[in-house]
Amino acid sequence: MWLLLLLALTIIAVILIQYILSINKAYKRLNNYTAKAFHSDYGRMSYLDEGQGEPVLISHGIFGGYDQGYETLKNILGDRHRKISISRFGYPGSDIPAEPTPDNQAKVFLGLLNELKIDKVYLVTTSAGGAAAIKFAINYPDRIKGLILLSSGVPSSKKTREEITGPMGPPDFILNDILMWFFTKYFGFVFKSMFKSEIDGKIYNTMLPVKPRKKGIKVDETITNLDMDINYDGYPVEKINGPIIVIHAKDDPMAKFEGIEKFIARTNAQTAIFETGGHLISGNGDAVSINISDFIKNNIKIKTRLHIMRS
């Protein structure tokens, strides 16, 4: 009996030591980014701005932040292009206004471009970042060079709040550092099942720490992830007049492919569709990067030709 108790206490002590070391490393990693801040009409916003060349802005997904957005851009773009990643409302370093809607988030994107004196950008959107990015493309067509949807949420069909079923975000109990760390370390198969994707440590690194992301996650759960259905008529995607590419896996369990098909039909977007890969399009990384690189490169060539013809 005493030996079992001693063994249990030893295991708990080892786990706690692992947690303390890991979570301290996670906070240090987050704080090591050279995040900048600007004061928008909706509060203080934090962002990263790294690299040279064509500016590419990202609207990150749930559990994200400027760090996750930047790492996503670095993963798909390599050393190419200027990478701009802003924490959406409630995520690390960014305030939550009285109305943290996708429409207001799009206005923050506009404010950031004005702050940085950038005329136009390529805009990448992932997962829950879709609503704000699509709003931006609709509302500010003269400020966007191209829209890149990467496992992105899209307006699928008009619904009332009561008609929307199922969870819009993670369970509350997991929104703390120790439980998220514990589940990612010892029950990673749960997340693999949720995403239908292989998940490496880099993904978990940008989900931790959870505490600085919790308010943003709740905004996504209660507002962002509902907006494109509840306010479906406010997303006339047919009006997006710039180039669009949709990159998606058919077996994505979160951003369902049925909705993506409707979006493609409404916009006549370019596509890079994969049979498998889940929400993270795992196993197709090189093809994803090539498609995005070619999309940007080809649109630069088209715009250059048009400029020469007009001259």
Foldseek 3Di string as FASTA:
>chain_A
DVVVVVVVVVVVVVLVVVLVVVQVVLVVVVVPAPWDWDQDPFGIKIKHKDADDAEEEEQEAALFARVNQQVVCCLLAPRDHIYMYIGQDQAFGHHHGPDSALLVSLVVVVVVCVVVVQQAHEYEYAALSQSNQLNNLQPPVRHYQEYEYQLYAAQFEADAPVPDDDFQADDPVCQAQSNLVVCVVPVVVVVCVLQVADDDPVVSSRSPPRVSRVRVRVCRRPHSSCCCHNVVVSRQSLNRPHAYEYEEECQAPRRHVNRVVVSCVSHVHHYDYHPGHGSNNPPCSVVSSVVVVCVVVVSVVVVVVVVVVVD
